[in-house]
């Protein structure tokens, strides 16, 4: 299956920080720049993504079965995102950055992962 050059998938991992209807905000991990044998002098905050989950599937950590439980704040997830909707398409949730990405697939992360 070929996809157009202008379309790219994005995979993120993070924690759900807020839920506003069908839009969740996911905070990705912070960055600790440095290198081998170097201590990070500062921390870069991981980005936040506003994600529309209305048409996505939520899978259990095994990635094979659908998870019947609703998503909740604090859940750790891996999400495959589609192209973002234009900022003018709908208002973003409070504190959002304007772009809302559609979630294609969501998988909960198991505690041991």
PDB file of N, CA and C in Angstrom:
ATOM      1  N   UNK A   1       0.842  -1.178   0.000  1.00  0.00           N
ATOM      2  CA  UNK A   1       0.000   0.000   0.000  1.00  0.00           C
ATOM      3  C   UNK A   1       0.889   1.244   0.000  1.00  0.00           C
ATOM      4  N   UNK A   2       0.668   2.130  -0.939  1.00  0.00           N
ATOM      5  CA  UNK A   2       1.434   3.351  -1.013  1.00  0.00           C
ATOM      6  C   UNK A   2       0.637   4.493  -0.422  1.00  0.00           C
ATOM      7  N   UNK A   3       1.345   5.394   0.243  1.00  0.00           N
ATOM      8  CA  UNK A   3       0.701   6.592   0.780  1.00  0.00           C
ATOM      9  C   UNK A   3       1.276   7.798   0.060  1.00  0.00           C
ATOM     10  N   UNK A   4       0.507   8.862  -0.078  1.00  0.00           N
ATOM     11  CA  UNK A   4       1.037  10.064  -0.725  1.00  0.00           C
ATOM     12  C   UNK A   4       2.243  10.602   0.032  1.00  0.00           C
ATOM     13  N   UNK A   5       3.154  11.245  -0.714  1.00  0.00           N
ATOM     14  CA  UNK A   5       4.368  11.785  -0.099  1.00  0.00           C
ATOM     15  C   UNK A   5       4.065  12.819   0.969  1.00  0.00           C
ATOM     16  N   UNK A   6       2.944  13.528   0.825  1.00  0.00           N
ATOM     17  CA  UNK A   6       2.641  14.597   1.773  1.00  0.00           C
ATOM     18  C   UNK A   6       2.038  14.072   3.075  1.00  0.00           C
ATOM     19  N   UNK A   7       1.723  12.785   3.141  1.00  0.00           N
ATOM     20  CA  UNK A   7       1.100  12.226   4.335  1.00  0.00           C
ATOM     21  C   UNK A   7       2.129  11.422   5.111  1.00  0.00           C
ATOM     22  N   UNK A   8       2.266  11.719   6.395  1.00  0.00           N
ATOM     23  CA  UNK A   8       3.189  10.974   7.237  1.00  0.00           C
ATOM     24  C   UNK A   8       2.481  10.563   8.517  1.00  0.00           C
ATOM     25  N   UNK A   9       2.883   9.436   9.034  1.00  0.00           N
ATOM     26  CA  UNK A   9       2.388   8.993  10.320  1.00  0.00           C
ATOM     27  C   UNK A   9       3.389   9.438  11.376  1.00  0.00           C
ATOM     28  N   UNK A  10       2.885   9.666  12.558  1.00  0.00           N
ATOM     29  CA  UNK A  10       3.739  10.039  13.685  1.00  0.00           C
ATOM     30  C   UNK A  10       3.365   9.104  14.820  1.00  0.00           C
ATOM     31  N   UNK A  11       4.361   8.551  15.487  1.00  0.00           N
ATOM     32  CA  UNK A  11       4.128   7.687  16.637  1.00  0.00           C
ATOM     33  C   UNK A  11       4.690   8.395  17.857  1.00  0.00           C
ATOM     34  N   UNK A  12       3.853   8.534  18.886  1.00  0.00           N
ATOM     35  CA  UNK A  12       4.310   9.177  20.120  1.00  0.00           C
ATOM     36  C   UNK A  12       4.039   8.251  21.294  1.00  0.00           C
ATOM     37  N   UNK A  13       4.786   8.449  22.352  1.00  0.00           N
ATOM     38  CA  UNK A  13       4.563   7.743  23.604  1.00  0.00           C
ATOM     39  C   UNK A  13       4.522   8.782  24.697  1.00  0.00           C
ATOM     40  N   UNK A  14       3.567   8.655  25.594  1.00  0.00           N
ATOM     41  CA  UNK A  14       3.473   9.617  26.676  1.00  0.00           C
ATOM     42  C   UNK A  14       2.374   9.278  27.655  1.00  0.00           C
ATOM     43  N   UNK A  15       1.993  10.286  28.432  1.00  0.00           N
ATOM     44  CA  UNK A  15       0.990  10.117  29.483  1.00  0.00           C
ATOM     45  C   UNK A  15      -0.159  11.077  29.207  1.00  0.00           C
ATOM     46  N   UNK A  16      -1.387  10.590  29.368  1.00  0.00           N
ATOM     47  CA  UNK A  16      -2.565  11.439  29.183  1.00  0.00           C
ATOM     48  C   UNK A  16      -2.661  12.386  30.370  1.00  0.00           C
ATOM     49  N   UNK A  17      -2.679  13.702  30.077  1.00  0.00           N
ATOM     50  CA  UNK A  17      -2.736  14.684  31.155  1.00  0.00           C
ATOM     51  C   UNK A  17      -4.126  15.286  31.319  1.00  0.00           C
ATOM     52  N   UNK A  18      -4.878  15.428  30.237  1.00  0.00           N
ATOM     53  CA  UNK A  18      -6.246  15.949  30.324  1.00  0.00           C
ATOM     54  C   UNK A  18      -7.123  15.275  29.283  1.00  0.00           C
ATOM     55  N   UNK A  19      -8.412  15.226  29.609  1.00  0.00           N
ATOM     56  CA  UNK A  19      -9.412  14.702  28.686  1.00  0.00           C
ATOM     57  C   UNK A  19     -10.543  15.716  28.630  1.00  0.00           C
ATOM     58  N   UNK A  20     -10.864  16.180  27.406  1.00  0.00           N
ATOM     59  CA  UNK A  20     -11.960  17.134  27.190  1.00  0.00           C
ATOM     60  C   UNK A  20     -12.839  16.569  26.084  1.00  0.00           C
ATOM     61  N   UNK A  21     -13.847  15.792  26.471  1.00  0.00           N
ATOM     62  CA  UNK A  21     -14.702  15.150  25.473  1.00  0.00           C
ATOM     63  C   UNK A  21     -13.923  14.080  24.723  1.00  0.00           C
ATOM     64  N   UNK A  22     -13.846  14.221  23.396  1.00  0.00           N
ATOM     65  CA  UNK A  22     -13.121  13.255  22.560  1.00  0.00           C
ATOM     66  C   UNK A  22     -11.693  13.694  22.267  1.00  0.00           C
ATOM     67  N   UNK A  23     -11.229  14.754  22.930  1.00  0.00           N
ATOM     68  CA  UNK A  23      -9.854  15.241  22.726  1.00  0.00           C
ATOM     69  C   UNK A  23      -9.066  15.028  24.013  1.00  0.00           C
ATOM     70  N   UNK A  24      -7.939  14.322  23.877  1.00  0.00           N
ATOM     71  CA  UNK A  24      -7.043  14.124  25.016  1.00  0.00           C
ATOM     72  C   UNK A  24      -5.751  14.874  24.761  1.00  0.00           C
ATOM     73  N   UNK A  25      -5.090  15.280  25.825  1.00  0.00           N
ATOM     74  CA  UNK A  25      -3.768  15.890  25.720  1.00  0.00           C
ATOM     75  C   UNK A  25      -2.768  14.882  26.260  1.00  0.00           C
ATOM     76  N   UNK A  26      -1.738  14.606  25.445  1.00  0.00           N
ATOM     77  CA  UNK A  26      -0.699  13.646  25.825  1.00  0.00           C
ATOM     78  C   UNK A  26       0.622  14.388  25.944  1.00  0.00           C
ATOM     79  N   UNK A  27       1.278  14.227  27.089  1.00  0.00           N
ATOM     80  CA  UNK A  27       2.586  14.825  27.355  1.00  0.00           C
ATOM     81  C   UNK A  27       3.638  13.768  27.093  1.00  0.00           C
ATOM     82  N   UNK A  28       4.583  14.079  26.210  1.00  0.00           N
ATOM     83  CA  UNK A  28       5.662  13.143  25.913  1.00  0.00           C
ATOM     84  C   UNK A  28       6.799  13.343  26.915  1.00  0.00           C
ATOM     85  N   UNK A  29       7.704  12.374  27.028  1.00  0.00           N
ATOM     86  CA  UNK A  29       8.785  12.481  28.021  1.00  0.00           C
ATOM     87  C   UNK A  29       9.691  13.690  27.790  1.00  0.00           C
ATOM     88  N   UNK A  30      10.267  14.172  28.879  1.00  0.00           N
ATOM     89  CA  UNK A  30      11.222  15.269  28.817  1.00  0.00           C
ATOM     90  C   UNK A  30      12.540  14.765  28.232  1.00  0.00           C
ATOM     91  N   UNK A  31      13.314  15.692  27.667  1.00  0.00           N
ATOM     92  CA  UNK A  31      14.612  15.346  27.103  1.00  0.00           C
ATOM     93  C   UNK A  31      15.738  15.738  28.036  1.00  0.00           C
ATOM     94  N   UNK A  32      16.771  14.939  28.062  1.00  0.00           N
ATOM     95  CA  UNK A  32      17.950  15.208  28.887  1.00  0.00           C
ATOM     96  C   UNK A  32      19.172  15.220  27.975  1.00  0.00           C
ATOM     97  N   UNK A  33      19.431  16.381  27.333  1.00  0.00           N
ATOM     98  CA  UNK A  33      20.556  16.424  26.399  1.00  0.00           C
ATOM     99  C   UNK A  33      21.880  16.189  27.093  1.00  0.00           C
ATOM    100  N   UNK A  34      22.733  15.590  26.397  1.00  0.00           N
ATOM    101  CA  UNK A  34      24.059  15.268  26.909  1.00  0.00           C
ATOM    102  C   UNK A  34      24.654  14.237  25.975  1.00  0.00           C
ATOM    103  N   UNK A  35      25.625  13.568  26.392  1.00  0.00           N
ATOM    104  CA  UNK A  35      26.231  12.545  25.568  1.00  0.00           C
ATOM    105  C   UNK A  35      26.915  11.529  26.444  1.00  0.00           C
ATOM    106  N   UNK A  36      27.596  10.603  25.822  1.00  0.00           N
ATOM    107  CA  UNK A  36      28.311   9.603  26.608  1.00  0.00           C
ATOM    108  C   UNK A  36      29.295  10.270  27.561  1.00  0.00           C
ATOM    109  N   UNK A  37      29.169   9.963  28.827  1.00  0.00           N
ATOM    110  CA  UNK A  37      30.061  10.509  29.840  1.00  0.00           C
ATOM    111  C   UNK A  37      29.777  11.950  30.215  1.00  0.00           C
ATOM    112  N   UNK A  38      28.684  12.528  29.681  1.00  0.00           N
ATOM    113  CA  UNK A  38      28.343  13.919  29.993  1.00  0.00           C
ATOM    114  C   UNK A  38      27.055  13.955  30.802  1.00  0.00           C
ATOM    115  N   UNK A  39      27.014  14.843  31.760  1.00  0.00           N
ATOM    116  CA  UNK A  39      25.807  15.027  32.554  1.00  0.00           C
ATOM    117  C   UNK A  39      24.962  16.124  31.909  1.00  0.00           C
ATOM    118  N   UNK A  40      23.657  15.913  31.844  1.00  0.00           N
ATOM    119  CA  UNK A  40      22.773  16.929  31.262  1.00  0.00           C
ATOM    120  C   UNK A  40      22.771  18.174  32.146  1.00  0.00           C
ATOM    121  N   UNK A  41      22.990  19.322  31.542  1.00  0.00           N
ATOM    122  CA  UNK A  41      23.028  20.581  32.281  1.00  0.00           C
ATOM    123  C   UNK A  41      21.637  21.201  32.413  1.00  0.00           C
ATOM    124  N   UNK A  42      20.700  20.741  31.602  1.00  0.00           N
ATOM    125  CA  UNK A  42      19.341  21.271  31.628  1.00  0.00           C
ATOM    126  C   UNK A  42      18.392  20.207  31.095  1.00  0.00           C
ATOM    127  N   UNK A  43      17.122  20.426  31.269  1.00  0.00           N
ATOM    128  CA  UNK A  43      16.085  19.499  30.809  1.00  0.00           C
ATOM    129  C   UNK A  43      15.200  20.231  29.822  1.00  0.00           C
ATOM    130  N   UNK A  44      14.892  19.590  28.693  1.00  0.00           N
ATOM    131  CA  UNK A  44      13.957  20.178  27.735  1.00  0.00           C
ATOM    132  C   UNK A  44      12.603  19.512  27.920  1.00  0.00           C
ATOM    133  N   UNK A  45      11.579  20.319  28.069  1.00  0.00           N
ATOM    134  CA  UNK A  45      10.234  19.788  28.284  1.00  0.00           C
ATOM    135  C   UNK A  45       9.750  19.075  27.031  1.00  0.00           C
ATOM    136  N   UNK A  46       9.213  17.884  27.217  1.00  0.00           N
ATOM    137  CA  UNK A  46       8.651  17.142  26.096  1.00  0.00           C
ATOM    138  C   UNK A  46       7.385  17.822  25.597  1.00  0.00           C
ATOM    139  N   UNK A  47       7.126  17.741  24.303  1.00  0.00           N
ATOM    140  CA  UNK A  47       5.952  18.418  23.759  1.00  0.00           C
ATOM    141  C   UNK A  47       4.644  17.770  24.202  1.00  0.00           C
ATOM    142  N   UNK A  48       3.574  18.536  24.088  1.00  0.00           N
ATOM    143  CA  UNK A  48       2.221  18.062  24.364  1.00  0.00           C
ATOM    144  C   UNK A  48       1.468  18.009  23.045  1.00  0.00           C
ATOM    145  N   UNK A  49       0.640  16.997  22.885  1.00  0.00           N
ATOM    146  CA  UNK A  49      -0.156  16.834  21.679  1.00  0.00           C
ATOM    147  C   UNK A  49      -1.627  16.763  22.059  1.00  0.00           C
ATOM    148  N   UNK A  50      -2.471  17.533  21.349  1.00  0.00           N
ATOM    149  CA  UNK A  50      -3.927  17.418  21.481  1.00  0.00           C
ATOM    150  C   UNK A  50      -4.374  16.416  20.437  1.00  0.00           C
ATOM    151  N   UNK A  51      -5.114  15.387  20.879  1.00  0.00           N
ATOM    152  CA  UNK A  51      -5.416  14.251  20.022  1.00  0.00           C
ATOM    153  C   UNK A  51      -6.899  13.933  20.061  1.00  0.00           C
ATOM    154  N   UNK A  52      -7.494  13.822  18.877  1.00  0.00           N
ATOM    155  CA  UNK A  52      -8.897  13.429  18.732  1.00  0.00           C
ATOM    156  C   UNK A  52      -8.952  11.905  18.733  1.00  0.00           C
ATOM    157  N   UNK A  53      -9.630  11.326  19.718  1.00  0.00           N
ATOM    158  CA  UNK A  53      -9.680   9.864  19.846  1.00  0.00           C
ATOM    159  C   UNK A  53     -11.011   9.288  19.380  1.00  0.00           C
ATOM    160  N   UNK A  54     -11.865  10.123  18.777  1.00  0.00           N
ATOM    161  CA  UNK A  54     -13.221   9.705  18.425  1.00  0.00           C
ATOM    162  C   UNK A  54     -13.262   8.483  17.514  1.00  0.00           C
ATOM    163  N   UNK A  55     -12.343   8.357  16.582  1.00  0.00           N
ATOM    164  CA  UNK A  55     -12.405   7.270  15.590  1.00  0.00           C
ATOM    165  C   UNK A  55     -11.233   6.308  15.702  1.00  0.00           C
ATOM    166  N   UNK A  56     -10.640   6.215  16.877  1.00  0.00           N
ATOM    167  CA  UNK A  56      -9.475   5.350  17.049  1.00  0.00           C
ATOM    168  C   UNK A  56      -9.850   4.067  17.783  1.00  0.00           C
ATOM    169  N   UNK A  57      -8.964   3.102  17.697  1.00  0.00           N
ATOM    170  CA  UNK A  57      -9.109   1.859  18.442  1.00  0.00           C
ATOM    171  C   UNK A  57      -8.129   1.893  19.598  1.00  0.00           C
ATOM    172  N   UNK A  58      -8.590   1.449  20.775  1.00  0.00           N
ATOM    173  CA  UNK A  58      -7.726   1.360  21.953  1.00  0.00           C
ATOM    174  C   UNK A  58      -7.419  -0.113  22.175  1.00  0.00           C
ATOM    175  N   UNK A  59      -6.130  -0.443  22.190  1.00  0.00           N
ATOM    176  CA  UNK A  59      -5.711  -1.834  22.344  1.00  0.00           C
ATOM    177  C   UNK A  59      -5.077  -2.061  23.708  1.00  0.00           C
ATOM    178  N   UNK A  60      -5.153  -3.310  24.160  1.00  0.00           N
ATOM    179  CA  UNK A  60      -4.458  -3.724  25.373  1.00  0.00           C
ATOM    180  C   UNK A  60      -2.955  -3.718  25.113  1.00  0.00           C
ATOM    181  N   UNK A  61      -2.115  -3.787  26.153  1.00  0.00           N
ATOM    182  CA  UNK A  61      -0.664  -3.757  25.953  1.00  0.00           C
ATOM    183  C   UNK A  61      -0.129  -4.859  25.039  1.00  0.00           C
ATOM    184  N   UNK A  62      -0.886  -5.938  24.844  1.00  0.00           N
ATOM    185  CA  UNK A  62      -0.402  -6.986  23.941  1.00  0.00           C
ATOM    186  C   UNK A  62      -0.541  -6.577  22.475  1.00  0.00           C
ATOM    187  N   UNK A  63      -1.278  -5.492  22.203  1.00  0.00           N
ATOM    188  CA  UNK A  63      -1.428  -4.978  20.847  1.00  0.00           C
ATOM    189  C   UNK A  63      -2.342  -5.782  19.961  1.00  0.00           C
ATOM    190  N   UNK A  64      -2.984  -6.814  20.511  1.00  0.00           N
ATOM    191  CA  UNK A  64      -3.810  -7.688  19.691  1.00  0.00           C
ATOM    192  C   UNK A  64      -5.297  -7.586  20.003  1.00  0.00           C
ATOM    193  N   UNK A  65      -5.635  -7.276  21.249  1.00  0.00           N
ATOM    194  CA  UNK A  65      -7.050  -7.251  21.643  1.00  0.00           C
ATOM    195  C   UNK A  65      -7.491  -5.839  21.979  1.00  0.00           C
ATOM    196  N   UNK A  66      -8.758  -5.559  21.684  1.00  0.00           N
ATOM    197  CA  UNK A  66      -9.335  -4.255  21.990  1.00  0.00           C
ATOM    198  C   UNK A  66      -9.532  -4.130  23.495  1.00  0.00           C
ATOM    199  N   UNK A  67      -9.210  -2.957  24.031  1.00  0.00           N
ATOM    200  CA  UNK A  67      -9.365  -2.681  25.460  1.00  0.00           C
ATOM    201  C   UNK A  67     -10.735  -2.055  25.684  1.00  0.00           C
ATOM    202  N   UNK A  68     -11.601  -2.686  26.462  1.00  0.00           N
ATOM    203  CA  UNK A  68     -12.940  -2.144  26.670  1.00  0.00           C
ATOM    204  C   UNK A  68     -12.993  -0.965  27.641  1.00  0.00           C
ATOM    205  N   UNK A  69     -11.945  -0.764  28.432  1.00  0.00           N
ATOM    206  CA  UNK A  69     -11.941   0.325  29.414  1.00  0.00           C
ATOM    207  C   UNK A  69     -11.734   1.672  28.726  1.00  0.00           C
ATOM    208  N   UNK A  70     -12.405   2.709  29.197  1.00  0.00           N
ATOM    209  CA  UNK A  70     -12.161   4.043  28.624  1.00  0.00           C
ATOM    210  C   UNK A  70     -10.798   4.571  29.054  1.00  0.00           C
ATOM    211  N   UNK A  71     -10.244   5.450  28.243  1.00  0.00           N
ATOM    212  CA  UNK A  71      -8.975   6.084  28.606  1.00  0.00           C
ATOM    213  C   UNK A  71      -9.201   7.001  29.797  1.00  0.00           C
ATOM    214  N   UNK A  72      -8.158   7.183  30.602  1.00  0.00           N
ATOM    215  CA  UNK A  72      -8.260   8.028  31.793  1.00  0.00           C
ATOM    216  C   UNK A  72      -6.989   8.862  31.936  1.00  0.00           C
ATOM    217  N   UNK A  73      -7.108   9.969  32.652  1.00  0.00           N
ATOM    218  CA  UNK A  73      -5.929  10.786  32.930  1.00  0.00           C
ATOM    219  C   UNK A  73      -4.905   9.939  33.670  1.00  0.00           C
ATOM    220  N   UNK A  74      -3.658  10.077  33.292  1.00  0.00           N
ATOM    221  CA  UNK A  74      -2.582   9.312  33.907  1.00  0.00           C
ATOM    222  C   UNK A  74      -2.216   8.057  33.141  1.00  0.00           C
ATOM    223  N   UNK A  75      -3.072   7.596  32.221  1.00  0.00           N
ATOM    224  CA  UNK A  75      -2.743   6.407  31.427  1.00  0.00           C
ATOM    225  C   UNK A  75      -1.512   6.675  30.575  1.00  0.00           C
ATOM    226  N   UNK A  76      -0.632   5.697  30.509  1.00  0.00           N
ATOM    227  CA  UNK A  76       0.526   5.780  29.620  1.00  0.00           C
ATOM    228  C   UNK A  76       0.154   5.053  28.338  1.00  0.00           C
ATOM    229  N   UNK A  77       0.422   5.718  27.203  1.00  0.00           N
ATOM    230  CA  UNK A  77      -0.039   5.212  25.915  1.00  0.00           C
ATOM    231  C   UNK A  77       1.012   5.400  24.828  1.00  0.00           C
ATOM    232  N   UNK A  78       0.891   4.581  23.787  1.00  0.00           N
ATOM    233  CA  UNK A  78       1.603   4.763  22.522  1.00  0.00           C
ATOM    234  C   UNK A  78       0.514   5.013  21.496  1.00  0.00           C
ATOM    235  N   UNK A  79       0.666   6.075  20.687  1.00  0.00           N
ATOM    236  CA  UNK A  79      -0.391   6.469  19.761  1.00  0.00           C
ATOM    237  C   UNK A  79       0.186   6.689  18.370  1.00  0.00           C
ATOM    238  N   UNK A  80      -0.504   6.139  17.366  1.00  0.00           N
ATOM    239  CA  UNK A  80      -0.185   6.424  15.971  1.00  0.00           C
ATOM    240  C   UNK A  80      -1.105   7.562  15.549  1.00  0.00           C
ATOM    241  N   UNK A  81      -0.501   8.680  15.130  1.00  0.00           N
ATOM    242  CA  UNK A  81      -1.249   9.877  14.762  1.00  0.00           C
ATOM    243  C   UNK A  81      -1.305  10.047  13.254  1.00  0.00           C
ATOM    244  N   UNK A  82      -2.395  10.640  12.785  1.00  0.00           N
ATOM    245  CA  UNK A  82      -2.508  11.031  11.390  1.00  0.00           C
ATOM    246  C   UNK A  82      -2.131  12.490  11.237  1.00  0.00           C
ATOM    247  N   UNK A  83      -2.385  13.035  10.059  1.00  0.00           N
ATOM    248  CA  UNK A  83      -2.105  14.451   9.800  1.00  0.00           C
ATOM    249  C   UNK A  83      -2.977  15.323  10.685  1.00  0.00           C
ATOM    250  N   UNK A  84      -2.444  16.425  11.221  1.00  0.00           N
ATOM    251  CA  UNK A  84      -3.243  17.293  12.099  1.00  0.00           C
ATOM    252  C   UNK A  84      -4.341  18.014  11.328  1.00  0.00           C
ATOM    253  N   UNK A  85      -5.425  18.286  12.033  1.00  0.00           N
ATOM    254  CA  UNK A  85      -6.501  19.077  11.460  1.00  0.00           C
ATOM    255  C   UNK A  85      -6.059  20.532  11.448  1.00  0.00           C
ATOM    256  N   UNK A  86      -6.541  21.329  10.508  1.00  0.00           N
ATOM    257  CA  UNK A  86      -6.197  22.753  10.532  1.00  0.00           C
ATOM    258  C   UNK A  86      -6.661  23.395  11.836  1.00  0.00           C
ATOM    259  N   UNK A  87      -5.910  24.379  12.307  1.00  0.00           N
ATOM    260  CA  UNK A  87      -6.230  25.045  13.571  1.00  0.00           C
ATOM    261  C   UNK A  87      -7.623  25.656  13.550  1.00  0.00           C
ATOM    262  N   UNK A  88      -8.104  26.039  12.379  1.00  0.00           N
ATOM    263  CA  UNK A  88      -9.410  26.680  12.289  1.00  0.00           C
ATOM    264  C   UNK A  88     -10.559  25.679  12.252  1.00  0.00           C
ATOM    265  N   UNK A  89     -10.263  24.383  12.149  1.00  0.00           N
ATOM    266  CA  UNK A  89     -11.321  23.382  12.009  1.00  0.00           C
ATOM    267  C   UNK A  89     -12.185  23.260  13.256  1.00  0.00           C
ATOM    268  N   UNK A  90     -11.582  23.414  14.412  1.00  0.00           N
ATOM    269  CA  UNK A  90     -12.323  23.369  15.678  1.00  0.00           C
ATOM    270  C   UNK A  90     -11.471  23.982  16.769  1.00  0.00           C
ATOM    271  N   UNK A  91     -12.088  24.470  17.828  1.00  0.00           N
ATOM    272  CA  UNK A  91     -11.289  25.056  18.910  1.00  0.00           C
ATOM    273  C   UNK A  91     -10.492  23.973  19.633  1.00  0.00           C
ATOM    274  N   UNK A  92      -9.292  24.318  20.047  1.00  0.00           N
ATOM    275  CA  UNK A  92      -8.490  23.362  20.803  1.00  0.00           C
ATOM    276  C   UNK A  92      -8.878  23.445  22.274  1.00  0.00           C
ATOM    277  N   UNK A  93      -8.594  22.402  23.038  1.00  0.00           N
ATOM    278  CA  UNK A  93      -8.912  22.423  24.462  1.00  0.00           C
ATOM    279  C   UNK A  93      -8.095  23.493  25.181  1.00  0.00           C
ATOM    280  N   UNK A  94      -8.491  23.857  26.398  1.00  0.00           N
ATOM    281  CA  UNK A  94      -7.757  24.887  27.143  1.00  0.00           C
ATOM    282  C   UNK A  94      -6.273  24.545  27.244  1.00  0.00           C
ATOM    283  N   UNK A  95      -5.434  25.516  26.944  1.00  0.00           N
ATOM    284  CA  UNK A  95      -3.994  25.301  27.002  1.00  0.00           C
ATOM    285  C   UNK A  95      -3.437  24.581  25.798  1.00  0.00           C
ATOM    286  N   UNK A  96      -4.273  24.236  24.824  1.00  0.00           N
ATOM    287  CA  UNK A  96      -3.818  23.522  23.639  1.00  0.00           C
ATOM    288  C   UNK A  96      -3.042  24.428  22.707  1.00  0.00           C
ATOM    289  N   UNK A  97      -2.370  23.835  21.751  1.00  0.00           N
ATOM    290  CA  UNK A  97      -1.524  24.602  20.861  1.00  0.00           C
ATOM    291  C   UNK A  97      -2.163  24.852  19.508  1.00  0.00           C
ATOM    292  N   UNK A  98      -3.421  24.482  19.321  1.00  0.00           N
ATOM    293  CA  UNK A  98      -4.106  24.803  18.080  1.00  0.00           C
ATOM    294  C   UNK A  98      -4.246  23.657  17.111  1.00  0.00           C
ATOM    295  N   UNK A  99      -3.293  22.741  17.058  1.00  0.00           N
ATOM    296  CA  UNK A  99      -3.402  21.611  16.150  1.00  0.00           C
ATOM    297  C   UNK A  99      -3.957  20.410  16.899  1.00  0.00           C
ATOM    298  N   UNK A 100      -4.907  19.748  16.270  1.00  0.00           N
ATOM    299  CA  UNK A 100      -5.468  18.538  16.861  1.00  0.00           C
ATOM    300  C   UNK A 100      -5.178  17.394  15.893  1.00  0.00           C
ATOM    301  N   UNK A 101      -4.471  16.392  16.383  1.00  0.00           N
ATOM    302  CA  UNK A 101      -4.100  15.244  15.574  1.00  0.00           C
ATOM    303  C   UNK A 101      -5.145  14.145  15.743  1.00  0.00           C
ATOM    304  N   UNK A 102      -5.557  13.499  14.660  1.00  0.00           N
ATOM    305  CA  UNK A 102      -6.445  12.348  14.823  1.00  0.00           C
ATOM    306  C   UNK A 102      -5.645  11.112  15.225  1.00  0.00           C
ATOM    307  N   UNK A 103      -6.140  10.389  16.202  1.00  0.00           N
ATOM    308  CA  UNK A 103      -5.484   9.144  16.613  1.00  0.00           C
ATOM    309  C   UNK A 103      -5.990   8.028  15.724  1.00  0.00           C
ATOM    310  N   UNK A 104      -5.079   7.256  15.155  1.00  0.00           N
ATOM    311  CA  UNK A 104      -5.464   6.117  14.347  1.00  0.00           C
ATOM    312  C   UNK A 104      -5.500   4.854  15.197  1.00  0.00           C
ATOM    313  N   UNK A 105      -4.556   4.744  16.115  1.00  0.00           N
ATOM    314  CA  UNK A 105      -4.449   3.556  16.955  1.00  0.00           C
ATOM    315  C   UNK A 105      -3.836   3.969  18.279  1.00  0.00           C
ATOM    316  N   UNK A 106      -4.396   3.462  19.369  1.00  0.00           N
ATOM    317  CA  UNK A 106      -3.883   3.753  20.719  1.00  0.00           C
ATOM    318  C   UNK A 106      -3.616   2.430  21.412  1.00  0.00           C
ATOM    319  N   UNK A 107      -2.454   2.301  22.018  1.00  0.00           N
ATOM    320  CA  UNK A 107      -2.137   1.097  22.784  1.00  0.00           C
ATOM    321  C   UNK A 107      -1.696   1.524  24.173  1.00  0.00           C
ATOM    322  N   UNK A 108      -2.319   0.926  25.181  1.00  0.00           N
ATOM    323  CA  UNK A 108      -1.894   1.200  26.553  1.00  0.00           C
ATOM    324  C   UNK A 108      -0.514   0.593  26.764  1.00  0.00           C
ATOM    325  N   UNK A 109       0.281   1.237  27.603  1.00  0.00           N
ATOM    326  CA  UNK A 109       1.611   0.735  27.918  1.00  0.00           C
ATOM    327  C   UNK A 109       1.509   0.002  29.249  1.00  0.00           C
ATOM    328  N   UNK A 110       1.995  -1.224  29.297  1.00  0.00           N
ATOM    329  CA  UNK A 110       1.978  -2.015  30.525  1.00  0.00           C
ATOM    330  C   UNK A 110       2.998  -1.450  31.498  1.00  0.00           C
ATOM    331  N   UNK A 111       2.770  -1.660  32.783  1.00  0.00           N
ATOM    332  CA  UNK A 111       3.629  -1.109  33.826  1.00  0.00           C
ATOM    333  C   UNK A 111       5.086  -1.532  33.652  1.00  0.00           C
ATOM    334  N   UNK A 112       5.351  -2.714  33.148  1.00  0.00           N
ATOM    335  CA  UNK A 112       6.709  -3.203  32.995  1.00  0.00           C
ATOM    336  C   UNK A 112       7.392  -2.809  31.711  1.00  0.00           C
ATOM    337  N   UNK A 113       6.679  -2.119  30.801  1.00  0.00           N
ATOM    338  CA  UNK A 113       7.270  -1.755  29.504  1.00  0.00           C
ATOM    339  C   UNK A 113       8.230  -0.612  29.633  1.00  0.00           C
TER     340      UNK A 113
END
